[in-house]
Amino acid sequence: MKASGLGWVCLVLWSIWLFGLEGLLAESGAGQPVAPELGLALLLALAARMNRARARRAALLLAAVRSGMSADPAVAVAAAYLAAVELEALLRRNVDVEGVATRSVLAAVAGAGLALWLPVVHEVRSGSRVSAADWGFVEVLPVALGTGLVAAVLGGLLPRLPGLGTLYPKRRGGREPWVDAAASL
């Protein structure tokens, strides 16, 4: 099944909403104790259902949207998102990556990796000396836990957001719940 252009547009729109929500949480301080990477949770939920090439395209698209809404360099975000997709593809050979436990752990690891990676990139870009002691593993833990929690709670619903169903093959057993709900109106 070919992905329609509308599916990719919907992915951009949903990611804008999620990155906006992430920014509001960070700005208000409400997200400080647990600051999840919502776009990463969306990416991993979709990548579990996509083939590898399409998952890479989704990673690049989401990285472009995220870098457009933040001060993070686009190449650094794209590298982190592609690494998360490749890790998921590697695990997919032996593990059910759509399971709640696997999805949560993978999202937590990817969130921690992103939270470690971006400050290092900013330090290198500013010309500062970077040491492993400055990476702040304590600050990474809330991001990892928050992203894992979001993936556990919403990971099954994120790929079913309206419009995203054309990006991956349909499951056996019928239509998406959003389609059934809309048809009943």
Protein backbone atom coordinates (compact mmCIF):
# COMPACT_ATOMS: atom_id res chain seq x y z
CA MET A 1 0.00 0.00 0.00
CA LYS A 2 1.37 3.39 -0.97
CA ALA A 3 1.37 6.21 1.55
CA SER A 4 -0.68 9.12 0.38
CA GLY A 5 0.54 12.68 0.48
CA LEU A 6 -2.33 13.39 2.84
CA GLY A 7 -0.89 10.93 5.37
CA TRP A 8 2.45 12.77 5.38
CA VAL A 9 0.66 16.12 5.73
CA CYS A 10 -1.31 14.73 8.68
CA LEU A 11 1.93 13.52 10.23
CA VAL A 12 3.34 17.04 9.99
CA LEU A 13 0.20 18.55 11.50
CA TRP A 14 0.02 16.05 14.37
CA SER A 15 3.72 16.51 15.08
CA ILE A 16 3.31 20.30 15.18
CA TRP A 17 0.59 19.86 17.79
CA LEU A 18 2.70 17.45 19.83
CA PHE A 19 5.84 19.61 19.69
CA GLY A 20 3.74 22.64 20.59
CA LEU A 21 2.33 20.79 23.59
CA GLU A 22 5.83 19.72 24.56
CA GLY A 23 6.97 23.36 24.37
CA LEU A 24 4.03 24.55 26.47
CA LEU A 25 4.79 21.96 29.13
CA ALA A 26 8.43 22.98 29.24
CA GLU A 27 7.57 26.70 29.31
CA SER A 28 4.99 26.43 32.07
CA GLY A 29 7.27 24.38 34.26
CA ALA A 30 4.61 21.69 34.58
CA GLY A 31 6.68 19.36 32.42
CA GLN A 32 9.94 19.89 34.30
CA PRO A 33 9.77 16.86 36.62
CA VAL A 34 8.86 14.59 33.71
CA ALA A 35 9.59 16.22 30.34
CA PRO A 36 8.66 13.61 27.72
CA GLU A 37 9.78 13.67 24.11
CA LEU A 38 6.33 13.44 22.52
CA GLY A 39 7.57 13.48 18.93
CA LEU A 40 9.92 10.62 19.65
CA ALA A 41 7.05 8.62 21.14
CA LEU A 42 5.00 9.28 17.99
CA LEU A 43 7.90 8.31 15.74
CA LEU A 44 8.56 5.04 17.52
CA ALA A 45 4.87 4.12 17.58
CA LEU A 46 4.65 4.68 13.83
CA ALA A 47 8.00 3.10 13.00
CA ALA A 48 6.90 -0.14 14.65
CA ARG A 49 4.24 -0.45 11.94
CA MET A 50 6.20 0.94 8.98
CA ASN A 51 8.83 -0.60 6.78
CA ARG A 52 12.36 0.62 7.36
CA ALA A 53 12.52 3.08 4.44
CA ARG A 54 9.23 4.73 5.33
CA ALA A 55 10.25 4.91 9.02
CA ARG A 56 13.43 6.74 7.99
CA ARG A 57 11.39 9.24 5.99
CA ALA A 58 9.11 9.78 8.96
CA ALA A 59 12.15 10.30 11.20
CA LEU A 60 13.55 12.96 8.88
CA LEU A 61 10.17 14.66 8.57
CA LEU A 62 9.61 14.75 12.34
CA ALA A 63 13.18 15.93 12.89
CA ALA A 64 12.61 18.80 10.47
CA VAL A 65 9.42 19.82 12.26
CA ARG A 66 11.04 19.55 15.70
CA SER A 67 14.10 21.54 14.70
CA GLY A 68 11.86 24.18 13.17
CA MET A 69 10.14 24.62 16.54
CA SER A 70 13.24 24.54 18.74
CA ALA A 71 16.81 25.80 18.94
CA ASP A 72 18.24 22.34 18.34
CA PRO A 73 20.25 21.80 15.15
CA ALA A 74 18.32 19.92 12.48
CA VAL A 75 21.18 17.54 11.71
CA ALA A 76 21.58 16.57 15.38
CA VAL A 77 17.85 15.92 15.80
CA ALA A 78 17.75 13.96 12.54
CA ALA A 79 20.71 11.84 13.66
CA ALA A 80 19.01 11.05 16.98
CA TYR A 81 15.67 10.22 15.35
CA LEU A 82 17.32 8.04 12.71
CA ALA A 83 19.29 6.24 15.43
CA ALA A 84 16.03 5.53 17.29
CA VAL A 85 14.42 4.16 14.12
CA GLU A 86 17.45 1.99 13.37
CA LEU A 87 17.50 0.65 16.93
CA GLU A 88 13.84 -0.24 16.62
CA ALA A 89 14.44 -1.94 13.26
CA LEU A 90 17.30 -3.92 14.80
CA LEU A 91 15.12 -5.04 17.70
CA ARG A 92 12.19 -5.88 15.41
CA ARG A 93 14.01 -8.95 14.12
CA ASN A 94 13.78 -10.70 17.49
CA VAL A 95 11.29 -8.79 19.65
CA ASP A 96 7.71 -7.60 19.28
CA VAL A 97 8.34 -3.85 19.17
CA GLU A 98 4.62 -3.08 19.35
CA GLY A 99 4.30 -4.61 22.81
CA VAL A 100 3.81 -2.15 25.67
CA ALA A 101 6.91 -3.18 27.62
CA THR A 102 9.25 -3.15 24.63
CA ARG A 103 7.78 0.07 23.28
CA SER A 104 8.19 1.77 26.67
CA VAL A 105 11.77 0.66 27.21
CA LEU A 106 12.75 1.58 23.66
CA ALA A 107 11.16 5.03 24.00
CA ALA A 108 12.88 5.57 27.35
CA VAL A 109 16.27 4.61 25.92
CA ALA A 110 15.74 6.81 22.85
CA GLY A 111 14.55 9.71 25.02
CA ALA A 112 17.61 9.38 27.24
CA GLY A 113 19.85 9.23 24.21
CA LEU A 114 18.31 12.38 22.77
CA ALA A 115 18.53 14.17 26.13
CA LEU A 116 22.23 13.26 26.36
CA TRP A 117 23.01 13.98 22.72
CA LEU A 118 21.57 17.47 22.26
CA PRO A 119 23.46 19.21 25.12
CA VAL A 120 26.71 17.69 23.85
CA VAL A 121 25.97 19.02 20.36
CA HIS A 122 25.24 22.50 21.77
CA GLU A 123 28.49 22.45 23.78
CA VAL A 124 30.55 21.38 20.78
CA ARG A 125 28.93 24.04 18.60
CA SER A 126 29.72 26.72 21.16
CA GLY A 127 33.37 25.61 21.27
CA SER A 128 33.29 24.50 24.89
CA ARG A 129 35.25 21.57 26.18
CA VAL A 130 32.92 18.61 26.70
CA SER A 131 33.57 15.94 29.30
CA ALA A 132 31.50 12.92 30.22
CA ALA A 133 31.05 14.34 33.74
CA ASP A 134 29.15 17.31 32.30
CA TRP A 135 26.55 15.21 30.51
CA GLY A 136 24.10 15.28 33.40
CA PHE A 137 22.78 11.75 33.74
CA VAL A 138 20.51 12.90 36.58
CA GLU A 139 18.77 15.39 34.28
CA VAL A 140 18.28 12.69 31.64
CA LEU A 141 16.34 10.35 33.90
CA PRO A 142 13.09 12.39 33.96
CA VAL A 143 13.11 12.67 30.17
CA ALA A 144 13.66 8.93 29.80
CA LEU A 145 10.96 8.03 32.30
CA GLY A 146 8.49 10.55 30.86
CA THR A 147 9.01 9.39 27.29
CA GLY A 148 8.70 5.75 28.32
CA LEU A 149 5.50 6.51 30.22
CA VAL A 150 3.98 8.38 27.27
CA ALA A 151 4.91 5.48 24.98
CA ALA A 152 3.31 3.00 27.39
CA VAL A 153 0.08 4.95 27.82
CA LEU A 154 -0.40 6.51 24.37
CA GLY A 155 1.82 4.34 22.16
CA GLY A 156 -1.07 2.24 20.92
CA LEU A 157 -3.20 5.29 20.13
CA LEU A 158 -0.61 7.52 18.45
CA PRO A 159 -0.41 5.58 15.16
CA ARG A 160 -4.21 5.62 15.03
CA LEU A 161 -4.49 9.40 14.97
CA PRO A 162 -6.71 10.53 12.11
CA GLY A 163 -4.92 10.59 8.77
CA LEU A 164 -1.91 8.51 9.78
CA GLY A 165 -3.40 5.16 8.78
CA THR A 166 -2.23 5.53 5.17
CA LEU A 167 1.41 5.56 6.28
CA TYR A 168 1.48 1.88 7.28
CA PRO A 169 -0.32 -1.31 6.20
CA LYS A 170 -3.67 -1.99 7.81
CA ARG A 171 -3.98 -4.68 10.45
CA ARG A 172 -6.29 -7.61 10.05
CA GLY A 173 -9.61 -7.17 11.71
CA GLY A 174 -11.00 -4.10 10.06
CA ARG A 175 -10.76 -0.38 10.13
CA GLU A 176 -9.20 1.98 12.59
CA PRO A 177 -11.37 2.98 15.57
CA TRP A 178 -11.40 6.61 14.40
CA VAL A 179 -13.04 5.56 11.13
CA ASP A 180 -15.68 3.54 12.99
CA ALA A 181 -16.39 6.48 15.32
CA ALA A 182 -16.71 8.91 12.39
CA ALA A 183 -18.99 6.52 10.51
CA SER A 184 -21.37 6.31 13.45
CA LEU A 185 -21.94 10.10 13.48
